[in-house]
Amino acid sequence: MTLLLADIYILDDPGAVSVIIGEGTNRHDYLVVRFEGEISVFENACPHQGTPLETLAGKFFNRDQTQLLCSTHGAEFEIETGFCTIGPCKGEKLRAAPFRLEGATLYLN
C-alpha cells in the first residue's frame, strides 16, 4: 500500500491533482479527482496517446467542470467512470487505479 495523498480535503469539489510516485522506469502519474463528494483515481494518461491529461498544471476539467479534459487533443471523460465521450479516443476509458481511503488519507492499493 502506497501513500497517494495525505489529505484528500485539500482538493476543491470539483477538484483534481496529479500525483507522481517513483522515478525513472518506476515512475507512475496518477490523477486524483474529487467530485460531488466522491473520490476517483485514474492513471494520468489519455488512452489516445498516453500523454498526461493536463498541459497546464492543475487544469483537468472542461470549461463547465462537468468532464475531465485531455488538453492535448480535446478528449473529454466522465468524471466518475473515466469513459471518453468526445475526442479521438471516444468509447475508451481512463485506467482506474485501485485505492483505499482511510479518514482523509488516500492510499494506492
PDB file of N, CA and C in Angstrom:
ATOM      1  N   MET A   1       0.854  -1.179   0.000  1.00  0.00           N
ATOM      2  CA  MET A   1       0.000   0.000   0.000  1.00  0.00           C
ATOM      3  C   MET A   1       0.899   1.241   0.000  1.00  0.00           C
ATOM      4  N   THR A   2       0.616   2.167  -0.886  1.00  0.00           N
ATOM      5  CA  THR A   2       1.426   3.367  -1.072  1.00  0.00           C
ATOM      6  C   THR A   2       0.598   4.609  -0.767  1.00  0.00           C
ATOM      7  N   LEU A   3       1.171   5.511   0.006  1.00  0.00           N
ATOM      8  CA  LEU A   3       0.503   6.782   0.285  1.00  0.00           C
ATOM      9  C   LEU A   3       0.365   7.568  -1.009  1.00  0.00           C
ATOM     10  N   LEU A   4      -0.845   7.979  -1.317  1.00  0.00           N
ATOM     11  CA  LEU A   4      -1.094   8.756  -2.526  1.00  0.00           C
ATOM     12  C   LEU A   4      -1.328  10.228  -2.188  1.00  0.00           C
ATOM     13  N   LEU A   5      -2.148  10.479  -1.169  1.00  0.00           N
ATOM     14  CA  LEU A   5      -2.459  11.856  -0.783  1.00  0.00           C
ATOM     15  C   LEU A   5      -2.781  11.859   0.711  1.00  0.00           C
ATOM     16  N   ALA A   6      -2.062  12.689   1.469  1.00  0.00           N
ATOM     17  CA  ALA A   6      -2.219  12.706   2.918  1.00  0.00           C
ATOM     18  C   ALA A   6      -3.531  13.339   3.372  1.00  0.00           C
ATOM     19  N   ASP A   7      -4.055  14.300   2.595  1.00  0.00           N
ATOM     20  CA  ASP A   7      -5.294  14.965   2.993  1.00  0.00           C
ATOM     21  C   ASP A   7      -6.142  15.233   1.761  1.00  0.00           C
ATOM     22  N   ILE A   8      -7.099  14.375   1.506  1.00  0.00           N
ATOM     23  CA  ILE A   8      -7.955  14.487   0.326  1.00  0.00           C
ATOM     24  C   ILE A   8      -8.739  15.789   0.322  1.00  0.00           C
ATOM     25  N   TYR A   9      -8.939  16.361   1.487  1.00  0.00           N
ATOM     26  CA  TYR A   9      -9.754  17.571   1.588  1.00  0.00           C
ATOM     27  C   TYR A   9      -9.025  18.844   1.154  1.00  0.00           C
ATOM     28  N   ILE A  10      -7.754  18.712   0.753  1.00  0.00           N
ATOM     29  CA  ILE A  10      -7.074  19.865   0.159  1.00  0.00           C
ATOM     30  C   ILE A  10      -7.628  20.140  -1.235  1.00  0.00           C
ATOM     31  N   LEU A  11      -8.294  19.137  -1.821  1.00  0.00           N
ATOM     32  CA  LEU A  11      -8.886  19.309  -3.148  1.00  0.00           C
ATOM     33  C   LEU A  11     -10.231  20.006  -3.046  1.00  0.00           C
ATOM     34  N   ASP A  12     -10.446  20.957  -3.944  1.00  0.00           N
ATOM     35  CA  ASP A  12     -11.777  21.553  -4.070  1.00  0.00           C
ATOM     36  C   ASP A  12     -12.740  20.476  -4.555  1.00  0.00           C
ATOM     37  N   ASP A  13     -14.004  20.777  -4.554  1.00  0.00           N
ATOM     38  CA  ASP A  13     -15.022  19.865  -5.083  1.00  0.00           C
ATOM     39  C   ASP A  13     -15.871  20.637  -6.079  1.00  0.00           C
ATOM     40  N   PRO A  14     -15.662  20.533  -7.382  1.00  0.00           N
ATOM     41  CA  PRO A  14     -14.767  19.566  -8.015  1.00  0.00           C
ATOM     42  C   PRO A  14     -13.312  20.025  -7.971  1.00  0.00           C
ATOM     43  N   GLY A  15     -12.435  19.047  -7.923  1.00  0.00           N
ATOM     44  CA  GLY A  15     -11.010  19.324  -7.917  1.00  0.00           C
ATOM     45  C   GLY A  15     -10.229  18.096  -8.326  1.00  0.00           C
ATOM     46  N   ALA A  16      -9.011  18.312  -8.773  1.00  0.00           N
ATOM     47  CA  ALA A  16      -8.157  17.210  -9.208  1.00  0.00           C
ATOM     48  C   ALA A  16      -6.701  17.601  -9.050  1.00  0.00           C
ATOM     49  N   VAL A  17      -5.867  16.584  -8.880  1.00  0.00           N
ATOM     50  CA  VAL A  17      -4.434  16.806  -8.747  1.00  0.00           C
ATOM     51  C   VAL A  17      -3.692  15.606  -9.329  1.00  0.00           C
ATOM     52  N   SER A  18      -2.553  15.891  -9.935  1.00  0.00           N
ATOM     53  CA  SER A  18      -1.655  14.840 -10.409  1.00  0.00           C
ATOM     54  C   SER A  18      -0.699  14.488  -9.272  1.00  0.00           C
ATOM     55  N   VAL A  19      -0.535  13.183  -9.035  1.00  0.00           N
ATOM     56  CA  VAL A  19       0.392  12.717  -8.001  1.00  0.00           C
ATOM     57  C   VAL A  19       1.364  11.752  -8.666  1.00  0.00           C
ATOM     58  N   ILE A  20       2.641  12.094  -8.617  1.00  0.00           N
ATOM     59  CA  ILE A  20       3.674  11.262  -9.243  1.00  0.00           C
ATOM     60  C   ILE A  20       4.382  10.465  -8.159  1.00  0.00           C
ATOM     61  N   ILE A  21       4.474   9.161  -8.399  1.00  0.00           N
ATOM     62  CA  ILE A  21       5.135   8.259  -7.460  1.00  0.00           C
ATOM     63  C   ILE A  21       6.278   7.567  -8.196  1.00  0.00           C
ATOM     64  N   GLY A  22       7.432   7.509  -7.567  1.00  0.00           N
ATOM     65  CA  GLY A  22       8.585   6.818  -8.139  1.00  0.00           C
ATOM     66  C   GLY A  22       9.364   7.681  -9.102  1.00  0.00           C
ATOM     67  N   GLU A  23      10.416   7.060  -9.681  1.00  0.00           N
ATOM     68  CA  GLU A  23      11.292   7.758 -10.614  1.00  0.00           C
ATOM     69  C   GLU A  23      11.679   6.826 -11.752  1.00  0.00           C
ATOM     70  N   GLY A  24      12.152   7.418 -12.832  1.00  0.00           N
ATOM     71  CA  GLY A  24      12.648   6.638 -13.963  1.00  0.00           C
ATOM     72  C   GLY A  24      11.611   5.659 -14.484  1.00  0.00           C
ATOM     73  N   THR A  25      12.024   4.408 -14.681  1.00  0.00           N
ATOM     74  CA  THR A  25      11.101   3.393 -15.200  1.00  0.00           C
ATOM     75  C   THR A  25      10.047   2.983 -14.166  1.00  0.00           C
ATOM     76  N   ASN A  26      10.234   3.364 -12.923  1.00  0.00           N
ATOM     77  CA  ASN A  26       9.253   3.080 -11.863  1.00  0.00           C
ATOM     78  C   ASN A  26       8.364   4.286 -11.576  1.00  0.00           C
ATOM     79  N   ARG A  27       8.358   5.278 -12.467  1.00  0.00           N
ATOM     80  CA  ARG A  27       7.561   6.491 -12.286  1.00  0.00           C
ATOM     81  C   ARG A  27       6.134   6.244 -12.763  1.00  0.00           C
ATOM     82  N   HIS A  28       5.173   6.618 -11.924  1.00  0.00           N
ATOM     83  CA  HIS A  28       3.757   6.492 -12.252  1.00  0.00           C
ATOM     84  C   HIS A  28       3.053   7.796 -11.896  1.00  0.00           C
ATOM     85  N   ASP A  29       2.200   8.269 -12.811  1.00  0.00           N
ATOM     86  CA  ASP A  29       1.463   9.513 -12.627  1.00  0.00           C
ATOM     87  C   ASP A  29      -0.008   9.161 -12.451  1.00  0.00           C
ATOM     88  N   TYR A  30      -0.584   9.579 -11.333  1.00  0.00           N
ATOM     89  CA  TYR A  30      -1.983   9.297 -11.023  1.00  0.00           C
ATOM     90  C   TYR A  30      -2.777  10.595 -10.957  1.00  0.00           C
ATOM     91  N   LEU A  31      -4.026  10.504 -11.339  1.00  0.00           N
ATOM     92  CA  LEU A  31      -4.948  11.621 -11.277  1.00  0.00           C
ATOM     93  C   LEU A  31      -5.953  11.333 -10.170  1.00  0.00           C
ATOM     94  N   VAL A  32      -5.935  12.161  -9.135  1.00  0.00           N
ATOM     95  CA  VAL A  32      -6.872  12.039  -8.016  1.00  0.00           C
ATOM     96  C   VAL A  32      -7.948  13.093  -8.217  1.00  0.00           C
ATOM     97  N   VAL A  33      -9.210  12.662  -8.235  1.00  0.00           N
ATOM     98  CA  VAL A  33     -10.331  13.549  -8.533  1.00  0.00           C
ATOM     99  C   VAL A  33     -11.331  13.523  -7.381  1.00  0.00           C
ATOM    100  N   ARG A  34     -11.801  14.698  -7.010  1.00  0.00           N
ATOM    101  CA  ARG A  34     -12.893  14.821  -6.044  1.00  0.00           C
ATOM    102  C   ARG A  34     -14.052  15.528  -6.748  1.00  0.00           C
ATOM    103  N   PHE A  35     -15.209  14.849  -6.779  1.00  0.00           N
ATOM    104  CA  PHE A  35     -16.365  15.385  -7.495  1.00  0.00           C
ATOM    105  C   PHE A  35     -17.641  14.957  -6.792  1.00  0.00           C
ATOM    106  N   GLU A  36     -18.433  15.952  -6.394  1.00  0.00           N
ATOM    107  CA  GLU A  36     -19.681  15.720  -5.667  1.00  0.00           C
ATOM    108  C   GLU A  36     -19.478  14.785  -4.470  1.00  0.00           C
ATOM    109  N   GLY A  37     -18.380  15.034  -3.755  1.00  0.00           N
ATOM    110  CA  GLY A  37     -18.082  14.291  -2.542  1.00  0.00           C
ATOM    111  C   GLY A  37     -17.452  12.927  -2.758  1.00  0.00           C
ATOM    112  N   GLU A  38     -17.361  12.472  -3.992  1.00  0.00           N
ATOM    113  CA  GLU A  38     -16.792  11.156  -4.301  1.00  0.00           C
ATOM    114  C   GLU A  38     -15.350  11.308  -4.782  1.00  0.00           C
ATOM    115  N   ILE A  39     -14.552  10.268  -4.548  1.00  0.00           N
ATOM    116  CA  ILE A  39     -13.152  10.249  -4.949  1.00  0.00           C
ATOM    117  C   ILE A  39     -12.962   9.209  -6.050  1.00  0.00           C
ATOM    118  N   SER A  40     -12.189   9.576  -7.055  1.00  0.00           N
ATOM    119  CA  SER A  40     -11.789   8.648  -8.114  1.00  0.00           C
ATOM    120  C   SER A  40     -10.292   8.784  -8.313  1.00  0.00           C
ATOM    121  N   VAL A  41      -9.649   7.682  -8.711  1.00  0.00           N
ATOM    122  CA  VAL A  41      -8.222   7.714  -9.023  1.00  0.00           C
ATOM    123  C   VAL A  41      -8.026   7.006 -10.365  1.00  0.00           C
ATOM    124  N   PHE A  42      -7.317   7.679 -11.269  1.00  0.00           N
ATOM    125  CA  PHE A  42      -7.024   7.129 -12.588  1.00  0.00           C
ATOM    126  C   PHE A  42      -5.536   7.284 -12.865  1.00  0.00           C
ATOM    127  N   GLU A  43      -5.018   6.460 -13.769  1.00  0.00           N
ATOM    128  CA  GLU A  43      -3.687   6.732 -14.291  1.00  0.00           C
ATOM    129  C   GLU A  43      -3.817   8.018 -15.104  1.00  0.00           C
ATOM    130  N   ASN A  44      -2.892   8.916 -14.928  1.00  0.00           N
ATOM    131  CA  ASN A  44      -2.951  10.203 -15.634  1.00  0.00           C
ATOM    132  C   ASN A  44      -2.337  10.037 -17.024  1.00  0.00           C
ATOM    133  N   ALA A  45      -3.066   9.290 -17.867  1.00  0.00           N
ATOM    134  CA  ALA A  45      -2.611   9.021 -19.228  1.00  0.00           C
ATOM    135  C   ALA A  45      -3.826   8.878 -20.130  1.00  0.00           C
ATOM    136  N   CYS A  46      -3.924   9.729 -21.132  1.00  0.00           N
ATOM    137  CA  CYS A  46      -5.026   9.651 -22.088  1.00  0.00           C
ATOM    138  C   CYS A  46      -4.881   8.364 -22.906  1.00  0.00           C
ATOM    139  N   PRO A  47      -5.964   7.623 -23.106  1.00  0.00           N
ATOM    140  CA  PRO A  47      -5.885   6.398 -23.904  1.00  0.00           C
ATOM    141  C   PRO A  47      -5.466   6.643 -25.357  1.00  0.00           C
ATOM    142  N   HIS A  48      -5.631   7.862 -25.844  1.00  0.00           N
ATOM    143  CA  HIS A  48      -5.307   8.169 -27.240  1.00  0.00           C
ATOM    144  C   HIS A  48      -3.809   8.046 -27.521  1.00  0.00           C
ATOM    145  N   GLN A  49      -2.985   8.740 -26.733  1.00  0.00           N
ATOM    146  CA  GLN A  49      -1.539   8.695 -26.967  1.00  0.00           C
ATOM    147  C   GLN A  49      -0.723   8.542 -25.693  1.00  0.00           C
ATOM    148  N   GLY A  50      -1.380   8.348 -24.562  1.00  0.00           N
ATOM    149  CA  GLY A  50      -0.662   8.136 -23.311  1.00  0.00           C
ATOM    150  C   GLY A  50      -0.130   9.392 -22.652  1.00  0.00           C
ATOM    151  N   THR A  51      -0.470  10.570 -23.185  1.00  0.00           N
ATOM    152  CA  THR A  51       0.002  11.811 -22.588  1.00  0.00           C
ATOM    153  C   THR A  51      -0.799  12.136 -21.331  1.00  0.00           C
ATOM    154  N   PRO A  52      -0.202  12.869 -20.385  1.00  0.00           N
ATOM    155  CA  PRO A  52      -0.974  13.326 -19.220  1.00  0.00           C
ATOM    156  C   PRO A  52      -2.142  14.189 -19.697  1.00  0.00           C
ATOM    157  N   LEU A  53      -3.227  14.205 -18.929  1.00  0.00           N
ATOM    158  CA  LEU A  53      -4.400  14.967 -19.338  1.00  0.00           C
ATOM    159  C   LEU A  53      -4.128  16.466 -19.386  1.00  0.00           C
ATOM    160  N   GLU A  54      -3.346  16.977 -18.460  1.00  0.00           N
ATOM    161  CA  GLU A  54      -3.154  18.428 -18.370  1.00  0.00           C
ATOM    162  C   GLU A  54      -1.874  18.857 -19.064  1.00  0.00           C
ATOM    163  N   THR A  55      -1.965  19.915 -19.861  1.00  0.00           N
ATOM    164  CA  THR A  55      -0.754  20.543 -20.390  1.00  0.00           C
ATOM    165  C   THR A  55      -0.439  21.799 -19.583  1.00  0.00           C
ATOM    166  N   LEU A  56      -1.430  22.319 -18.884  1.00  0.00           N
ATOM    167  CA  LEU A  56      -1.226  23.420 -17.943  1.00  0.00           C
ATOM    168  C   LEU A  56      -1.451  22.861 -16.544  1.00  0.00           C
ATOM    169  N   ALA A  57      -0.505  23.057 -15.677  1.00  0.00           N
ATOM    170  CA  ALA A  57      -0.555  22.474 -14.331  1.00  0.00           C
ATOM    171  C   ALA A  57      -1.902  22.720 -13.651  1.00  0.00           C
ATOM    172  N   GLY A  58      -2.510  21.650 -13.183  1.00  0.00           N
ATOM    173  CA  GLY A  58      -3.745  21.747 -12.416  1.00  0.00           C
ATOM    174  C   GLY A  58      -5.007  21.941 -13.221  1.00  0.00           C
ATOM    175  N   LYS A  59      -4.937  21.932 -14.547  1.00  0.00           N
ATOM    176  CA  LYS A  59      -6.114  22.138 -15.400  1.00  0.00           C
ATOM    177  C   LYS A  59      -6.607  20.787 -15.919  1.00  0.00           C
ATOM    178  N   PHE A  60      -7.611  20.225 -15.248  1.00  0.00           N
ATOM    179  CA  PHE A  60      -8.096  18.882 -15.580  1.00  0.00           C
ATOM    180  C   PHE A  60      -9.527  18.836 -16.077  1.00  0.00           C
ATOM    181  N   PHE A  61     -10.260  19.946 -15.998  1.00  0.00           N
ATOM    182  CA  PHE A  61     -11.683  19.927 -16.309  1.00  0.00           C
ATOM    183  C   PHE A  61     -12.002  20.752 -17.553  1.00  0.00           C
ATOM    184  N   ASN A  62     -13.122  20.411 -18.196  1.00  0.00           N
ATOM    185  CA  ASN A  62     -13.629  21.248 -19.280  1.00  0.00           C
ATOM    186  C   ASN A  62     -14.135  22.566 -18.676  1.00  0.00           C
ATOM    187  N   ARG A  63     -14.590  23.476 -19.517  1.00  0.00           N
ATOM    188  CA  ARG A  63     -14.963  24.818 -19.038  1.00  0.00           C
ATOM    189  C   ARG A  63     -16.029  24.825 -17.955  1.00  0.00           C
ATOM    190  N   ASP A  64     -17.040  23.957 -18.090  1.00  0.00           N
ATOM    191  CA  ASP A  64     -18.116  23.967 -17.087  1.00  0.00           C
ATOM    192  C   ASP A  64     -17.900  22.945 -15.971  1.00  0.00           C
ATOM    193  N   GLN A  65     -16.729  22.359 -15.919  1.00  0.00           N
ATOM    194  CA  GLN A  65     -16.314  21.415 -14.873  1.00  0.00           C
ATOM    195  C   GLN A  65     -17.257  20.214 -14.750  1.00  0.00           C
ATOM    196  N   THR A  66     -17.737  19.723 -15.883  1.00  0.00           N
ATOM    197  CA  THR A  66     -18.606  18.546 -15.880  1.00  0.00           C
ATOM    198  C   THR A  66     -17.905  17.310 -16.415  1.00  0.00           C
ATOM    199  N   GLN A  67     -16.714  17.493 -17.019  1.00  0.00           N
ATOM    200  CA  GLN A  67     -15.953  16.364 -17.558  1.00  0.00           C
ATOM    201  C   GLN A  67     -14.464  16.632 -17.368  1.00  0.00           C
ATOM    202  N   LEU A  68     -13.687  15.540 -17.279  1.00  0.00           N
ATOM    203  CA  LEU A  68     -12.239  15.659 -17.315  1.00  0.00           C
ATOM    204  C   LEU A  68     -11.841  15.940 -18.759  1.00  0.00           C
ATOM    205  N   LEU A  69     -10.786  16.703 -18.955  1.00  0.00           N
ATOM    206  CA  LEU A  69     -10.364  17.129 -20.285  1.00  0.00           C
ATOM    207  C   LEU A  69      -8.910  16.770 -20.531  1.00  0.00           C
ATOM    208  N   CYS A  70      -8.642  16.145 -21.663  1.00  0.00           N
ATOM    209  CA  CYS A  70      -7.261  15.980 -22.124  1.00  0.00           C
ATOM    210  C   CYS A  70      -6.958  17.181 -22.995  1.00  0.00           C
ATOM    211  N   SER A  71      -6.091  18.038 -22.523  1.00  0.00           N
ATOM    212  CA  SER A  71      -5.839  19.281 -23.242  1.00  0.00           C
ATOM    213  C   SER A  71      -4.952  19.098 -24.469  1.00  0.00           C
ATOM    214  N   THR A  72      -4.416  17.904 -24.689  1.00  0.00           N
ATOM    215  CA  THR A  72      -3.598  17.675 -25.879  1.00  0.00           C
ATOM    216  C   THR A  72      -4.453  17.653 -27.142  1.00  0.00           C
ATOM    217  N   HIS A  73      -5.531  16.843 -27.141  1.00  0.00           N
ATOM    218  CA  HIS A  73      -6.372  16.728 -28.337  1.00  0.00           C
ATOM    219  C   HIS A  73      -7.856  16.928 -28.058  1.00  0.00           C
ATOM    220  N   GLY A  74      -8.219  17.388 -26.861  1.00  0.00           N
ATOM    221  CA  GLY A  74      -9.599  17.756 -26.577  1.00  0.00           C
ATOM    222  C   GLY A  74     -10.531  16.640 -26.170  1.00  0.00           C
ATOM    223  N   ALA A  75     -10.019  15.466 -25.876  1.00  0.00           N
ATOM    224  CA  ALA A  75     -10.890  14.374 -25.412  1.00  0.00           C
ATOM    225  C   ALA A  75     -11.504  14.744 -24.071  1.00  0.00           C
ATOM    226  N   GLU A  76     -12.764  14.341 -23.865  1.00  0.00           N
ATOM    227  CA  GLU A  76     -13.450  14.576 -22.590  1.00  0.00           C
ATOM    228  C   GLU A  76     -13.913  13.245 -22.021  1.00  0.00           C
ATOM    229  N   PHE A  77     -13.825  13.143 -20.684  1.00  0.00           N
ATOM    230  CA  PHE A  77     -14.095  11.904 -19.978  1.00  0.00           C
ATOM    231  C   PHE A  77     -15.084  12.135 -18.843  1.00  0.00           C
ATOM    232  N   GLU A  78     -15.983  11.180 -18.640  1.00  0.00           N
ATOM    233  CA  GLU A  78     -16.879  11.240 -17.480  1.00  0.00           C
ATOM    234  C   GLU A  78     -16.022  11.232 -16.223  1.00  0.00           C
ATOM    235  N   ILE A  79     -16.333  12.096 -15.300  1.00  0.00           N
ATOM    236  CA  ILE A  79     -15.519  12.231 -14.088  1.00  0.00           C
ATOM    237  C   ILE A  79     -15.565  10.978 -13.232  1.00  0.00           C
ATOM    238  N   GLU A  80     -16.732  10.396 -13.072  1.00  0.00           N
ATOM    239  CA  GLU A  80     -16.875   9.246 -12.171  1.00  0.00           C
ATOM    240  C   GLU A  80     -16.295   7.954 -12.753  1.00  0.00           C
ATOM    241  N   THR A  81     -16.382   7.775 -14.071  1.00  0.00           N
ATOM    242  CA  THR A  81     -16.013   6.494 -14.677  1.00  0.00           C
ATOM    243  C   THR A  81     -14.758   6.540 -15.535  1.00  0.00           C
ATOM    244  N   GLY A  82     -14.370   7.739 -16.016  1.00  0.00           N
ATOM    245  CA  GLY A  82     -13.239   7.857 -16.923  1.00  0.00           C
ATOM    246  C   GLY A  82     -13.574   7.499 -18.362  1.00  0.00           C
ATOM    247  N   PHE A  83     -14.857   7.296 -18.672  1.00  0.00           N
ATOM    248  CA  PHE A  83     -15.301   6.933 -20.017  1.00  0.00           C
ATOM    249  C   PHE A  83     -15.204   8.146 -20.942  1.00  0.00           C
ATOM    250  N   CYS A  84     -14.572   7.968 -22.107  1.00  0.00           N
ATOM    251  CA  CYS A  84     -14.389   9.067 -23.054  1.00  0.00           C
ATOM    252  C   CYS A  84     -15.654   9.265 -23.875  1.00  0.00           C
ATOM    253  N   THR A  85     -16.196  10.471 -23.828  1.00  0.00           N
ATOM    254  CA  THR A  85     -17.440  10.792 -24.529  1.00  0.00           C
ATOM    255  C   THR A  85     -17.218  11.614 -25.796  1.00  0.00           C
ATOM    256  N   ILE A  86     -16.076  12.304 -25.877  1.00  0.00           N
ATOM    257  CA  ILE A  86     -15.762  13.177 -27.010  1.00  0.00           C
ATOM    258  C   ILE A  86     -14.263  13.074 -27.285  1.00  0.00           C
ATOM    259  N   GLY A  87     -13.890  13.042 -28.561  1.00  0.00           N
ATOM    260  CA  GLY A  87     -12.476  13.105 -28.906  1.00  0.00           C
ATOM    261  C   GLY A  87     -11.968  11.868 -29.602  1.00  0.00           C
ATOM    262  N   PRO A  88     -10.653  11.833 -29.858  1.00  0.00           N
ATOM    263  CA  PRO A  88     -10.072  10.758 -30.654  1.00  0.00           C
ATOM    264  C   PRO A  88     -10.109   9.383 -29.988  1.00  0.00           C
ATOM    265  N   CYS A  89     -10.344   9.312 -28.699  1.00  0.00           N
ATOM    266  CA  CYS A  89     -10.415   8.016 -28.017  1.00  0.00           C
ATOM    267  C   CYS A  89     -11.835   7.724 -27.523  1.00  0.00           C
ATOM    268  N   LYS A  90     -12.828   8.329 -28.179  1.00  0.00           N
ATOM    269  CA  LYS A  90     -14.230   8.149 -27.793  1.00  0.00           C
ATOM    270  C   LYS A  90     -14.547   6.654 -27.659  1.00  0.00           C
ATOM    271  N   GLY A  91     -15.196   6.311 -26.534  1.00  0.00           N
ATOM    272  CA  GLY A  91     -15.555   4.925 -26.263  1.00  0.00           C
ATOM    273  C   GLY A  91     -14.528   4.184 -25.414  1.00  0.00           C
ATOM    274  N   GLU A  92     -13.328   4.740 -25.271  1.00  0.00           N
ATOM    275  CA  GLU A  92     -12.312   4.128 -24.412  1.00  0.00           C
ATOM    276  C   GLU A  92     -12.427   4.728 -23.013  1.00  0.00           C
ATOM    277  N   LYS A  93     -11.620   4.225 -22.073  1.00  0.00           N
ATOM    278  CA  LYS A  93     -11.681   4.716 -20.695  1.00  0.00           C
ATOM    279  C   LYS A  93     -10.288   5.020 -20.163  1.00  0.00           C
ATOM    280  N   LEU A  94     -10.245   5.973 -19.242  1.00  0.00           N
ATOM    281  CA  LEU A  94      -9.043   6.145 -18.444  1.00  0.00           C
ATOM    282  C   LEU A  94      -8.904   4.898 -17.586  1.00  0.00           C
ATOM    283  N   ARG A  95      -7.684   4.495 -17.305  1.00  0.00           N
ATOM    284  CA  ARG A  95      -7.461   3.303 -16.484  1.00  0.00           C
ATOM    285  C   ARG A  95      -7.596   3.661 -15.003  1.00  0.00           C
ATOM    286  N   ALA A  96      -8.580   3.056 -14.357  1.00  0.00           N
ATOM    287  CA  ALA A  96      -8.808   3.295 -12.929  1.00  0.00           C
ATOM    288  C   ALA A  96      -7.689   2.652 -12.117  1.00  0.00           C
ATOM    289  N   ALA A  97      -7.342   3.286 -11.019  1.00  0.00           N
ATOM    290  CA  ALA A  97      -6.326   2.756 -10.104  1.00  0.00           C
ATOM    291  C   ALA A  97      -7.012   2.405  -8.791  1.00  0.00           C
ATOM    292  N   PRO A  98      -6.779   1.213  -8.269  1.00  0.00           N
ATOM    293  CA  PRO A  98      -7.406   0.827  -7.001  1.00  0.00           C
ATOM    294  C   PRO A  98      -6.829   1.638  -5.838  1.00  0.00           C
ATOM    295  N   PHE A  99      -7.712   2.067  -4.953  1.00  0.00           N
ATOM    296  CA  PHE A  99      -7.268   2.885  -3.828  1.00  0.00           C
ATOM    297  C   PHE A  99      -8.105   2.571  -2.599  1.00  0.00           C
ATOM    298  N   ARG A 100      -7.614   3.045  -1.475  1.00  0.00           N
ATOM    299  CA  ARG A 100      -8.357   2.940  -0.218  1.00  0.00           C
ATOM    300  C   ARG A 100      -8.270   4.277   0.491  1.00  0.00           C
ATOM    301  N   LEU A 101      -9.401   4.711   1.016  1.00  0.00           N
ATOM    302  CA  LEU A 101      -9.474   5.956   1.757  1.00  0.00           C
ATOM    303  C   LEU A 101      -9.619   5.620   3.232  1.00  0.00           C
ATOM    304  N   GLU A 102      -8.693   6.111   4.040  1.00  0.00           N
ATOM    305  CA  GLU A 102      -8.744   5.934   5.492  1.00  0.00           C
ATOM    306  C   GLU A 102      -8.797   7.324   6.123  1.00  0.00           C
ATOM    307  N   GLY A 103      -9.984   7.706   6.561  1.00  0.00           N
ATOM    308  CA  GLY A 103     -10.180   9.074   7.035  1.00  0.00           C
ATOM    309  C   GLY A 103      -9.969  10.014   5.869  1.00  0.00           C
ATOM    310  N   ALA A 104      -9.017  10.931   5.979  1.00  0.00           N
ATOM    311  CA  ALA A 104      -8.717  11.870   4.911  1.00  0.00           C
ATOM    312  C   ALA A 104      -7.499  11.433   4.096  1.00  0.00           C
ATOM    313  N   THR A 105      -6.919  10.262   4.418  1.00  0.00           N
ATOM    314  CA  THR A 105      -5.702   9.793   3.765  1.00  0.00           C
ATOM    315  C   THR A 105      -6.028   8.792   2.671  1.00  0.00           C
ATOM    316  N   LEU A 106      -5.456   9.019   1.506  1.00  0.00           N
ATOM    317  CA  LEU A 106      -5.719   8.186   0.331  1.00  0.00           C
ATOM    318  C   LEU A 106      -4.496   7.316   0.050  1.00  0.00           C
ATOM    319  N   TYR A 107      -4.719   6.017  -0.054  1.00  0.00           N
ATOM    320  CA  TYR A 107      -3.666   5.064  -0.350  1.00  0.00           C
ATOM    321  C   TYR A 107      -3.934   4.369  -1.660  1.00  0.00           C
ATOM    322  N   LEU A 108      -2.873   4.104  -2.401  1.00  0.00           N
ATOM    323  CA  LEU A 108      -2.950   3.311  -3.606  1.00  0.00           C
ATOM    324  C   LEU A 108      -2.772   1.860  -3.202  1.00  0.00           C
ATOM    325  N   ASN A 109      -3.672   0.996  -3.671  1.00  0.00           N
ATOM    326  CA  ASN A 109      -3.550  -0.441  -3.324  1.00  0.00           C
ATOM    327  C   ASN A 109      -2.566  -1.136  -4.225  1.00  0.00           C
TER     328      ASN A 109
END
